[in-house]
Amino acid sequence: MQEKRKEKRIPINIQLSVSDLYTGDASTISDISSPIEVTDISAKGIGFISEAVLPVGFLFIANIELDKELPQIITDVRIIRSLAIGGNIYQYGCEFVSISPRVSKMLDDFENRLKAE
């Protein structure tokens, strides 16, 4: 997928699950129950892969735990890109709908800690 992020991506390998998707006009898709593997995160969004076909423009609530020592990031995420990458695997680009300056700082601190290791 072509680089589109304005912020530096932090490689990460965490699992999330998506059960419901929604849009601003109250359209919903329920009972997806598809695991996703987050491959990277930035101050603006996440990248992930999944076997599920998820529609661009839909949102979901993400509970992201970077590690046990940091609080979870709970935020709405909008799917902005989708690409079939082989077989039944899809790569997605998502943006955080709203993220606080505190969470942005936490991501910066997490990246700095990874660099130091």
N, C-alpha and C. Protein backbone atom coordinates (compact mmCIF):
# COMPACT_ATOMS: atom_id res chain seq x y z
N MET A 1 0.86 -1.18 0.00
CA MET A 1 0.00 0.00 0.00
C MET A 1 0.90 1.23 0.00
N GLN A 2 0.58 2.17 -0.81
CA GLN A 2 1.37 3.40 -0.93
C GLN A 2 1.31 4.18 0.38
N GLU A 3 2.45 4.74 0.80
CA GLU A 3 2.52 5.54 2.01
C GLU A 3 1.66 6.78 1.88
N LYS A 4 0.71 6.94 2.79
CA LYS A 4 -0.18 8.10 2.75
C LYS A 4 -0.19 8.84 4.08
N ARG A 5 0.40 8.26 5.10
CA ARG A 5 0.32 8.86 6.42
C ARG A 5 1.19 10.09 6.53
N LYS A 6 0.69 11.06 7.30
CA LYS A 6 1.45 12.28 7.56
C LYS A 6 2.35 12.11 8.77
N GLU A 7 2.06 11.10 9.58
CA GLU A 7 2.85 10.82 10.78
C GLU A 7 3.65 9.55 10.57
N LYS A 8 4.75 9.41 11.31
CA LYS A 8 5.61 8.23 11.21
C LYS A 8 4.87 7.01 11.74
N ARG A 9 4.96 5.91 10.98
CA ARG A 9 4.35 4.65 11.39
C ARG A 9 5.25 3.93 12.38
N ILE A 10 4.64 3.34 13.39
CA ILE A 10 5.36 2.53 14.37
C ILE A 10 4.95 1.08 14.10
N PRO A 11 5.89 0.21 13.70
CA PRO A 11 5.53 -1.19 13.50
C PRO A 11 5.05 -1.80 14.81
N ILE A 12 4.00 -2.60 14.74
CA ILE A 12 3.43 -3.21 15.93
C ILE A 12 2.71 -4.47 15.50
N ASN A 13 2.54 -5.38 16.41
CA ASN A 13 1.82 -6.61 16.10
C ASN A 13 0.85 -6.88 17.25
N ILE A 14 -0.37 -6.38 17.12
CA ILE A 14 -1.39 -6.62 18.14
C ILE A 14 -2.67 -7.08 17.45
N GLN A 15 -3.48 -7.78 18.20
CA GLN A 15 -4.73 -8.31 17.67
C GLN A 15 -5.91 -7.48 18.17
N LEU A 16 -6.86 -7.24 17.28
CA LEU A 16 -8.13 -6.60 17.62
C LEU A 16 -9.23 -7.47 17.04
N SER A 17 -10.43 -7.26 17.49
CA SER A 17 -11.55 -7.89 16.80
C SER A 17 -12.59 -6.82 16.53
N VAL A 18 -13.23 -6.95 15.39
CA VAL A 18 -14.27 -6.01 14.98
C VAL A 18 -15.57 -6.80 14.92
N SER A 19 -16.56 -6.34 15.64
CA SER A 19 -17.85 -7.03 15.58
C SER A 19 -18.90 -6.19 14.88
N ASP A 20 -18.81 -4.87 14.99
CA ASP A 20 -19.80 -3.99 14.38
C ASP A 20 -19.10 -2.83 13.67
N LEU A 21 -19.61 -2.48 12.50
CA LEU A 21 -19.18 -1.30 11.76
C LEU A 21 -20.36 -0.36 11.66
N TYR A 22 -20.08 0.94 11.56
CA TYR A 22 -21.17 1.90 11.43
C TYR A 22 -20.71 3.09 10.61
N THR A 23 -21.68 3.90 10.18
CA THR A 23 -21.40 5.14 9.48
C THR A 23 -22.09 6.27 10.21
N GLY A 24 -21.80 7.49 9.81
CA GLY A 24 -22.42 8.67 10.42
C GLY A 24 -23.91 8.76 10.15
N ASP A 25 -24.39 8.10 9.10
CA ASP A 25 -25.82 8.17 8.79
C ASP A 25 -26.60 7.01 9.41
N ALA A 26 -26.00 6.35 10.41
CA ALA A 26 -26.64 5.27 11.19
C ALA A 26 -26.72 3.94 10.45
N SER A 27 -26.05 3.78 9.32
CA SER A 27 -25.96 2.46 8.70
C SER A 27 -25.02 1.61 9.54
N THR A 28 -25.37 0.34 9.72
CA THR A 28 -24.52 -0.55 10.51
C THR A 28 -24.37 -1.89 9.82
N ILE A 29 -23.27 -2.53 10.11
CA ILE A 29 -23.02 -3.91 9.73
C ILE A 29 -22.65 -4.61 11.04
N SER A 30 -23.43 -5.61 11.43
CA SER A 30 -23.24 -6.26 12.72
C SER A 30 -22.74 -7.69 12.57
N ASP A 31 -22.25 -8.19 13.69
CA ASP A 31 -21.83 -9.59 13.82
C ASP A 31 -20.75 -10.00 12.83
N ILE A 32 -19.76 -9.14 12.64
CA ILE A 32 -18.64 -9.48 11.76
C ILE A 32 -17.72 -10.48 12.44
N SER A 33 -17.42 -10.21 13.69
CA SER A 33 -16.58 -11.10 14.50
C SER A 33 -15.34 -11.58 13.75
N SER A 34 -14.66 -10.67 13.13
CA SER A 34 -13.46 -11.01 12.38
C SER A 34 -12.23 -10.44 13.07
N PRO A 35 -11.24 -11.30 13.36
CA PRO A 35 -10.01 -10.77 13.97
C PRO A 35 -9.22 -9.95 12.96
N ILE A 36 -8.53 -8.97 13.48
CA ILE A 36 -7.64 -8.17 12.65
C ILE A 36 -6.28 -8.10 13.32
N GLU A 37 -5.25 -8.02 12.51
CA GLU A 37 -3.88 -7.91 13.00
C GLU A 37 -3.36 -6.52 12.67
N VAL A 38 -3.19 -5.70 13.71
CA VAL A 38 -2.67 -4.35 13.52
C VAL A 38 -1.18 -4.47 13.23
N THR A 39 -0.76 -3.90 12.12
CA THR A 39 0.64 -4.00 11.70
C THR A 39 1.45 -2.75 12.00
N ASP A 40 0.74 -1.61 12.13
CA ASP A 40 1.44 -0.37 12.46
C ASP A 40 0.43 0.64 13.00
N ILE A 41 0.99 1.62 13.70
CA ILE A 41 0.17 2.66 14.31
C ILE A 41 0.93 3.97 14.20
N SER A 42 0.20 5.06 14.11
CA SER A 42 0.79 6.40 14.12
C SER A 42 -0.14 7.29 14.93
N ALA A 43 0.23 8.54 15.06
CA ALA A 43 -0.62 9.49 15.78
C ALA A 43 -1.92 9.76 15.03
N LYS A 44 -1.98 9.39 13.76
CA LYS A 44 -3.17 9.66 12.94
C LYS A 44 -4.02 8.43 12.66
N GLY A 45 -3.47 7.20 12.83
CA GLY A 45 -4.28 6.04 12.52
C GLY A 45 -3.54 4.73 12.65
N ILE A 46 -4.16 3.66 12.10
CA ILE A 46 -3.58 2.33 12.16
C ILE A 46 -3.64 1.68 10.79
N GLY A 47 -2.77 0.71 10.59
CA GLY A 47 -2.82 -0.17 9.43
C GLY A 47 -3.04 -1.57 9.95
N PHE A 48 -3.83 -2.36 9.23
CA PHE A 48 -4.06 -3.73 9.67
C PHE A 48 -4.36 -4.63 8.49
N ILE A 49 -4.27 -5.95 8.75
CA ILE A 49 -4.66 -6.94 7.76
C ILE A 49 -5.75 -7.81 8.37
N SER A 50 -6.60 -8.34 7.48
CA SER A 50 -7.71 -9.18 7.92
C SER A 50 -8.22 -10.01 6.75
N GLU A 51 -8.90 -11.10 7.07
CA GLU A 51 -9.58 -11.88 6.04
C GLU A 51 -10.95 -11.29 5.71
N ALA A 52 -11.44 -10.41 6.55
CA ALA A 52 -12.76 -9.82 6.35
C ALA A 52 -12.72 -8.75 5.27
N VAL A 53 -13.79 -8.68 4.49
CA VAL A 53 -13.96 -7.60 3.52
C VAL A 53 -14.73 -6.51 4.25
N LEU A 54 -14.04 -5.40 4.53
CA LEU A 54 -14.64 -4.30 5.30
C LEU A 54 -14.78 -3.08 4.38
N PRO A 55 -15.93 -2.42 4.40
CA PRO A 55 -16.15 -1.31 3.48
C PRO A 55 -15.43 -0.02 3.88
N VAL A 56 -14.84 0.62 2.89
CA VAL A 56 -14.20 1.92 3.10
C VAL A 56 -15.28 2.93 3.50
N GLY A 57 -14.94 3.80 4.43
CA GLY A 57 -15.86 4.82 4.91
C GLY A 57 -16.59 4.44 6.18
N PHE A 58 -16.59 3.15 6.51
CA PHE A 58 -17.23 2.72 7.75
C PHE A 58 -16.28 2.90 8.93
N LEU A 59 -16.84 2.96 10.12
CA LEU A 59 -16.08 3.16 11.35
C LEU A 59 -16.28 1.98 12.29
N PHE A 60 -15.34 1.83 13.23
CA PHE A 60 -15.50 0.89 14.33
C PHE A 60 -14.78 1.45 15.54
N ILE A 61 -15.13 0.92 16.70
CA ILE A 61 -14.47 1.34 17.94
C ILE A 61 -13.29 0.40 18.18
N ALA A 62 -12.10 0.96 18.33
CA ALA A 62 -10.89 0.18 18.57
C ALA A 62 -10.43 0.35 20.01
N ASN A 63 -10.13 -0.76 20.65
CA ASN A 63 -9.49 -0.78 21.96
C ASN A 63 -8.07 -1.29 21.74
N ILE A 64 -7.12 -0.39 21.76
CA ILE A 64 -5.74 -0.73 21.41
C ILE A 64 -4.88 -0.71 22.66
N GLU A 65 -4.23 -1.84 22.94
CA GLU A 65 -3.30 -1.93 24.07
C GLU A 65 -1.89 -2.07 23.52
N LEU A 66 -1.11 -0.99 23.62
CA LEU A 66 0.26 -1.01 23.11
C LEU A 66 1.14 -1.94 23.93
N ASP A 67 1.02 -1.85 25.24
CA ASP A 67 1.65 -2.81 26.15
C ASP A 67 0.96 -2.71 27.50
N LYS A 68 1.31 -3.63 28.38
CA LYS A 68 0.61 -3.74 29.68
C LYS A 68 0.82 -2.53 30.58
N GLU A 69 1.90 -1.78 30.35
CA GLU A 69 2.22 -0.65 31.21
C GLU A 69 1.50 0.64 30.82
N LEU A 70 0.87 0.66 29.65
CA LEU A 70 0.20 1.87 29.16
C LEU A 70 -1.31 1.67 29.17
N PRO A 71 -2.07 2.74 29.36
CA PRO A 71 -3.53 2.61 29.29
C PRO A 71 -3.97 2.29 27.86
N GLN A 72 -5.12 1.64 27.75
CA GLN A 72 -5.66 1.35 26.43
C GLN A 72 -6.05 2.62 25.71
N ILE A 73 -5.91 2.59 24.39
CA ILE A 73 -6.41 3.66 23.53
C ILE A 73 -7.77 3.20 23.04
N ILE A 74 -8.80 3.94 23.37
CA ILE A 74 -10.15 3.62 22.92
C ILE A 74 -10.63 4.78 22.07
N THR A 75 -10.85 4.50 20.78
CA THR A 75 -11.20 5.57 19.86
C THR A 75 -11.97 5.01 18.67
N ASP A 76 -12.69 5.89 18.00
CA ASP A 76 -13.35 5.53 16.75
C ASP A 76 -12.31 5.58 15.64
N VAL A 77 -12.37 4.60 14.75
CA VAL A 77 -11.43 4.47 13.65
C VAL A 77 -12.24 4.38 12.36
N ARG A 78 -11.84 5.16 11.33
CA ARG A 78 -12.52 5.13 10.04
C ARG A 78 -11.63 4.42 9.01
N ILE A 79 -12.20 3.47 8.30
CA ILE A 79 -11.47 2.76 7.23
C ILE A 79 -11.39 3.70 6.03
N ILE A 80 -10.17 4.00 5.59
CA ILE A 80 -10.00 4.93 4.47
C ILE A 80 -9.37 4.29 3.23
N ARG A 81 -8.75 3.10 3.39
CA ARG A 81 -8.17 2.40 2.25
C ARG A 81 -8.30 0.90 2.45
N SER A 82 -8.44 0.20 1.33
CA SER A 82 -8.51 -1.26 1.34
C SER A 82 -7.79 -1.79 0.11
N LEU A 83 -7.05 -2.89 0.28
CA LEU A 83 -6.32 -3.47 -0.82
C LEU A 83 -6.24 -4.98 -0.63
N ALA A 84 -6.65 -5.76 -1.64
CA ALA A 84 -6.48 -7.21 -1.61
C ALA A 84 -5.00 -7.49 -1.81
N ILE A 85 -4.40 -8.27 -0.89
CA ILE A 85 -2.95 -8.51 -0.99
C ILE A 85 -2.62 -9.97 -1.24
N GLY A 86 -3.61 -10.78 -1.49
CA GLY A 86 -3.34 -12.18 -1.80
C GLY A 86 -4.32 -13.11 -1.12
N GLY A 87 -4.78 -14.10 -1.88
CA GLY A 87 -5.73 -15.05 -1.31
C GLY A 87 -6.94 -14.32 -0.79
N ASN A 88 -7.26 -14.57 0.45
CA ASN A 88 -8.39 -13.88 1.06
C ASN A 88 -7.91 -12.92 2.15
N ILE A 89 -6.75 -12.30 1.96
CA ILE A 89 -6.20 -11.35 2.92
C ILE A 89 -6.29 -9.93 2.35
N TYR A 90 -6.74 -9.00 3.19
CA TYR A 90 -6.88 -7.60 2.80
C TYR A 90 -6.07 -6.72 3.74
N GLN A 91 -5.50 -5.68 3.18
CA GLN A 91 -4.73 -4.70 3.95
C GLN A 91 -5.56 -3.41 3.99
N TYR A 92 -5.65 -2.82 5.19
CA TYR A 92 -6.47 -1.64 5.39
C TYR A 92 -5.65 -0.50 5.98
N GLY A 93 -6.03 0.71 5.62
CA GLY A 93 -5.52 1.92 6.24
C GLY A 93 -6.69 2.62 6.91
N CYS A 94 -6.48 3.04 8.14
CA CYS A 94 -7.55 3.68 8.91
C CYS A 94 -7.04 4.94 9.58
N GLU A 95 -7.96 5.86 9.81
CA GLU A 95 -7.60 7.08 10.53
C GLU A 95 -8.38 7.13 11.83
N PHE A 96 -7.73 7.69 12.86
CA PHE A 96 -8.44 7.94 14.10
C PHE A 96 -9.39 9.10 13.85
N VAL A 97 -10.64 8.95 14.28
CA VAL A 97 -11.61 10.01 14.09
C VAL A 97 -11.29 11.17 15.03
N SER A 98 -10.96 10.86 16.24
CA SER A 98 -10.52 11.90 17.19
C SER A 98 -9.57 11.24 18.17
N ILE A 99 -8.49 11.92 18.43
CA ILE A 99 -7.50 11.40 19.37
C ILE A 99 -6.96 12.57 20.18
N SER A 100 -6.84 12.37 21.47
CA SER A 100 -6.44 13.46 22.36
C SER A 100 -4.94 13.70 22.29
N PRO A 101 -4.51 14.90 22.68
CA PRO A 101 -3.08 15.17 22.74
C PRO A 101 -2.35 14.22 23.70
N ARG A 102 -3.04 13.77 24.75
CA ARG A 102 -2.45 12.83 25.71
C ARG A 102 -2.11 11.51 25.02
N VAL A 103 -3.02 11.02 24.17
CA VAL A 103 -2.78 9.77 23.45
C VAL A 103 -1.67 9.95 22.42
N SER A 104 -1.65 11.08 21.75
CA SER A 104 -0.58 11.37 20.80
C SER A 104 0.77 11.35 21.50
N LYS A 105 0.85 11.95 22.68
CA LYS A 105 2.09 11.94 23.47
C LYS A 105 2.46 10.52 23.89
N MET A 106 1.45 9.72 24.27
CA MET A 106 1.70 8.34 24.65
C MET A 106 2.30 7.56 23.48
N LEU A 107 1.80 7.80 22.26
CA LEU A 107 2.36 7.14 21.08
C LEU A 107 3.80 7.56 20.84
N ASP A 108 4.10 8.84 21.02
CA ASP A 108 5.48 9.33 20.87
C ASP A 108 6.39 8.66 21.90
N ASP A 109 5.94 8.59 23.15
CA ASP A 109 6.73 7.94 24.20
C ASP A 109 6.96 6.46 23.90
N PHE A 110 5.92 5.79 23.39
CA PHE A 110 6.02 4.38 23.04
C PHE A 110 7.06 4.19 21.93
N GLU A 111 7.03 5.03 20.92
CA GLU A 111 8.00 4.94 19.82
C GLU A 111 9.41 5.16 20.35
N ASN A 112 9.60 6.16 21.21
CA ASN A 112 10.93 6.43 21.77
C ASN A 112 11.44 5.26 22.60
N ARG A 113 10.54 4.60 23.33
CA ARG A 113 10.93 3.44 24.14
C ARG A 113 11.35 2.29 23.22
N LEU A 114 10.64 2.09 22.11
CA LEU A 114 11.02 1.02 21.16
C LEU A 114 12.39 1.28 20.55
N LYS A 115 12.66 2.53 20.23
CA LYS A 115 13.97 2.89 19.65
C LYS A 115 15.10 2.62 20.64
N ALA A 116 14.84 2.84 21.93
CA ALA A 116 15.87 2.66 22.95
C ALA A 116 16.18 1.19 23.23
N GLU A 117 15.25 0.31 22.89
CA GLU A 117 15.45 -1.14 23.18
C GLU A 117 16.39 -1.78 22.22
